[in-house]
Amino acid sequence: MSTRTIPVSEFTAHPDADLALVESGDLTIELTRDGKVIAIITPPEPEPTGTIADWIGSGVGTMTLAPGCTLEDPAFEPEDWEEFPGSDDLLSPK
């Protein structure tokens, strides 16, 4: 996919041809005013199919652990745990 930088005044004169290329996925448009990019027009993301295959692995690479931590480490040391206020009431029979 290529990117084209177009001044707003030029784009408004003939948007149909450029938008057709965006729609086909062949072009991204950067609209400029006074030489500064003010908008980016890109093709839409593909519609999700809603299958399990769509979300399996979708979080890959989105999480990092702090240095020295593993998923097996507890979040807190046992001596730092506190009882939930009122938890005795929940556990005692009525």
C-alpha atoms as a PDB file:
ATOM      1  CA  MET A   1       0.000   0.000   0.000  1.00  0.00           C
ATOM      2  CA  SER A   2       1.345   3.419  -0.852  1.00  0.00           C
ATOM      3  CA  THR A   3       0.830   6.761   0.839  1.00  0.00           C
ATOM      4  CA  ARG A   4       0.055   9.956  -1.023  1.00  0.00           C
ATOM      5  CA  THR A   5       0.272  13.424   0.522  1.00  0.00           C
ATOM      6  CA  ILE A   6      -2.320  15.764  -0.985  1.00  0.00           C
ATOM      7  CA  PRO A   7      -3.265  19.351  -0.120  1.00  0.00           C
ATOM      8  CA  VAL A   8      -6.917  19.673   0.949  1.00  0.00           C
ATOM      9  CA  SER A   9      -7.657  22.037  -1.937  1.00  0.00           C
ATOM     10  CA  GLU A  10      -6.418  19.502  -4.485  1.00  0.00           C
ATOM     11  CA  PHE A  11      -8.233  16.601  -2.812  1.00  0.00           C
ATOM     12  CA  THR A  12     -11.595  18.397  -2.765  1.00  0.00           C
ATOM     13  CA  ALA A  13     -11.308  19.021  -6.522  1.00  0.00           C
ATOM     14  CA  HIS A  14     -11.299  15.280  -7.367  1.00  0.00           C
ATOM     15  CA  PRO A  15     -11.867  13.053  -4.330  1.00  0.00           C
ATOM     16  CA  ASP A  16     -13.577  10.151  -6.152  1.00  0.00           C
ATOM     17  CA  ALA A  17     -10.493   8.710  -7.853  1.00  0.00           C
ATOM     18  CA  ASP A  18      -8.360   8.895  -4.707  1.00  0.00           C
ATOM     19  CA  LEU A  19     -11.111   7.492  -2.491  1.00  0.00           C
ATOM     20  CA  ALA A  20     -11.570   4.563  -4.884  1.00  0.00           C
ATOM     21  CA  LEU A  21      -7.891   3.695  -4.404  1.00  0.00           C
ATOM     22  CA  VAL A  22      -8.268   3.960  -0.623  1.00  0.00           C
ATOM     23  CA  GLU A  23     -11.349   1.760  -0.754  1.00  0.00           C
ATOM     24  CA  SER A  24      -9.469  -0.905  -2.732  1.00  0.00           C
ATOM     25  CA  GLY A  25      -6.711  -0.924  -0.109  1.00  0.00           C
ATOM     26  CA  ASP A  26      -4.033   0.396  -2.480  1.00  0.00           C
ATOM     27  CA  LEU A  27      -3.623   3.885  -1.012  1.00  0.00           C
ATOM     28  CA  THR A  28      -3.466   5.865   2.214  1.00  0.00           C
ATOM     29  CA  ILE A  29      -3.997   9.607   1.874  1.00  0.00           C
ATOM     30  CA  GLU A  30      -2.417  12.255   4.074  1.00  0.00           C
ATOM     31  CA  LEU A  31      -4.354  15.509   3.700  1.00  0.00           C
ATOM     32  CA  THR A  32      -2.315  18.631   4.315  1.00  0.00           C
ATOM     33  CA  ARG A  33      -3.064  22.283   4.996  1.00  0.00           C
ATOM     34  CA  ASP A  34      -0.174  24.751   4.849  1.00  0.00           C
ATOM     35  CA  GLY A  35       2.196  21.801   4.530  1.00  0.00           C
ATOM     36  CA  LYS A  36       1.045  20.125   7.760  1.00  0.00           C
ATOM     37  CA  VAL A  37      -0.810  16.822   7.845  1.00  0.00           C
ATOM     38  CA  ILE A  38      -4.303  17.429   9.225  1.00  0.00           C
ATOM     39  CA  ALA A  39      -5.948  14.082   8.421  1.00  0.00           C
ATOM     40  CA  ILE A  40      -5.094  10.578   7.299  1.00  0.00           C
ATOM     41  CA  ILE A  41      -7.554   8.553   5.231  1.00  0.00           C
ATOM     42  CA  THR A  42      -6.945   4.802   5.365  1.00  0.00           C
ATOM     43  CA  PRO A  43      -8.897   1.738   4.283  1.00  0.00           C
ATOM     44  CA  PRO A  44     -11.119   0.319   7.037  1.00  0.00           C
ATOM     45  CA  GLU A  45     -10.031  -2.722   9.011  1.00  0.00           C
ATOM     46  CA  PRO A  46     -11.492  -5.972   7.714  1.00  0.00           C
ATOM     47  CA  GLU A  47     -14.782  -6.944   9.297  1.00  0.00           C
ATOM     48  CA  PRO A  48     -14.290  -9.594  11.994  1.00  0.00           C
ATOM     49  CA  THR A  49     -15.807 -12.942  11.171  1.00  0.00           C
ATOM     50  CA  GLY A  50     -16.636 -13.636  14.806  1.00  0.00           C
ATOM     51  CA  THR A  51     -14.943 -17.024  14.963  1.00  0.00           C
ATOM     52  CA  ILE A  52     -12.714 -18.361  17.718  1.00  0.00           C
ATOM     53  CA  ALA A  53      -9.841 -18.301  15.247  1.00  0.00           C
ATOM     54  CA  ASP A  54     -10.149 -14.500  15.094  1.00  0.00           C
ATOM     55  CA  TRP A  55      -9.317 -13.972  18.725  1.00  0.00           C
ATOM     56  CA  ILE A  56      -6.958 -16.865  19.469  1.00  0.00           C
ATOM     57  CA  GLY A  57      -3.552 -15.291  19.696  1.00  0.00           C
ATOM     58  CA  SER A  58      -4.919 -11.790  19.210  1.00  0.00           C
ATOM     59  CA  GLY A  59      -3.171 -10.608  22.375  1.00  0.00           C
ATOM     60  CA  VAL A  60       0.259 -11.922  21.382  1.00  0.00           C
ATOM     61  CA  GLY A  61       2.911  -9.342  22.113  1.00  0.00           C
ATOM     62  CA  THR A  62       0.606  -6.976  23.994  1.00  0.00           C
ATOM     63  CA  MET A  63       1.826  -7.766  27.507  1.00  0.00           C
ATOM     64  CA  THR A  64       5.246  -7.562  29.092  1.00  0.00           C
ATOM     65  CA  LEU A  65       6.195  -8.548  32.605  1.00  0.00           C
ATOM     66  CA  ALA A  66       8.371  -6.486  34.891  1.00  0.00           C
ATOM     67  CA  PRO A  67      12.009  -7.580  34.904  1.00  0.00           C
ATOM     68  CA  GLY A  68      12.498 -10.607  37.139  1.00  0.00           C
ATOM     69  CA  CYS A  69       8.782 -11.497  37.254  1.00  0.00           C
ATOM     70  CA  THR A  70       7.140 -14.627  35.921  1.00  0.00           C
ATOM     71  CA  LEU A  71       3.511 -15.647  35.648  1.00  0.00           C
ATOM     72  CA  GLU A  72       4.130 -18.189  38.409  1.00  0.00           C
ATOM     73  CA  ASP A  73       5.147 -15.497  40.934  1.00  0.00           C
ATOM     74  CA  PRO A  74       2.460 -14.392  43.402  1.00  0.00           C
ATOM     75  CA  ALA A  75       1.303 -10.805  43.047  1.00  0.00           C
ATOM     76  CA  PHE A  76       1.953 -10.229  46.769  1.00  0.00           C
ATOM     77  CA  GLU A  77       3.949 -12.015  49.429  1.00  0.00           C
ATOM     78  CA  PRO A  78       1.712 -13.968  51.841  1.00  0.00           C
ATOM     79  CA  GLU A  79       2.706 -11.712  54.756  1.00  0.00           C
ATOM     80  CA  ASP A  80       1.439  -8.696  52.767  1.00  0.00           C
ATOM     81  CA  TRP A  81      -2.032 -10.166  52.289  1.00  0.00           C
ATOM     82  CA  GLU A  82      -4.838  -8.600  54.264  1.00  0.00           C
ATOM     83  CA  GLU A  83      -8.140 -10.098  55.203  1.00  0.00           C
ATOM     84  CA  PHE A  84     -11.069  -8.696  53.368  1.00  0.00           C
ATOM     85  CA  PRO A  85     -13.049  -6.563  55.838  1.00  0.00           C
ATOM     86  CA  GLY A  86     -16.098  -8.498  56.947  1.00  0.00           C
ATOM     87  CA  SER A  87     -14.847 -11.792  55.535  1.00  0.00           C
ATOM     88  CA  ASP A  88     -15.433 -13.502  58.899  1.00  0.00           C
ATOM     89  CA  ASP A  89     -19.132 -12.793  58.485  1.00  0.00           C
ATOM     90  CA  LEU A  90     -19.127 -14.478  55.085  1.00  0.00           C
ATOM     91  CA  LEU A  91     -17.498 -17.651  56.359  1.00  0.00           C
ATOM     92  CA  SER A  92     -19.446 -18.164  59.564  1.00  0.00           C
ATOM     93  CA  PRO A  93     -22.692 -20.158  59.413  1.00  0.00           C
ATOM     94  CA  LYS A  94     -25.872 -18.284  60.194  1.00  0.00           C
END
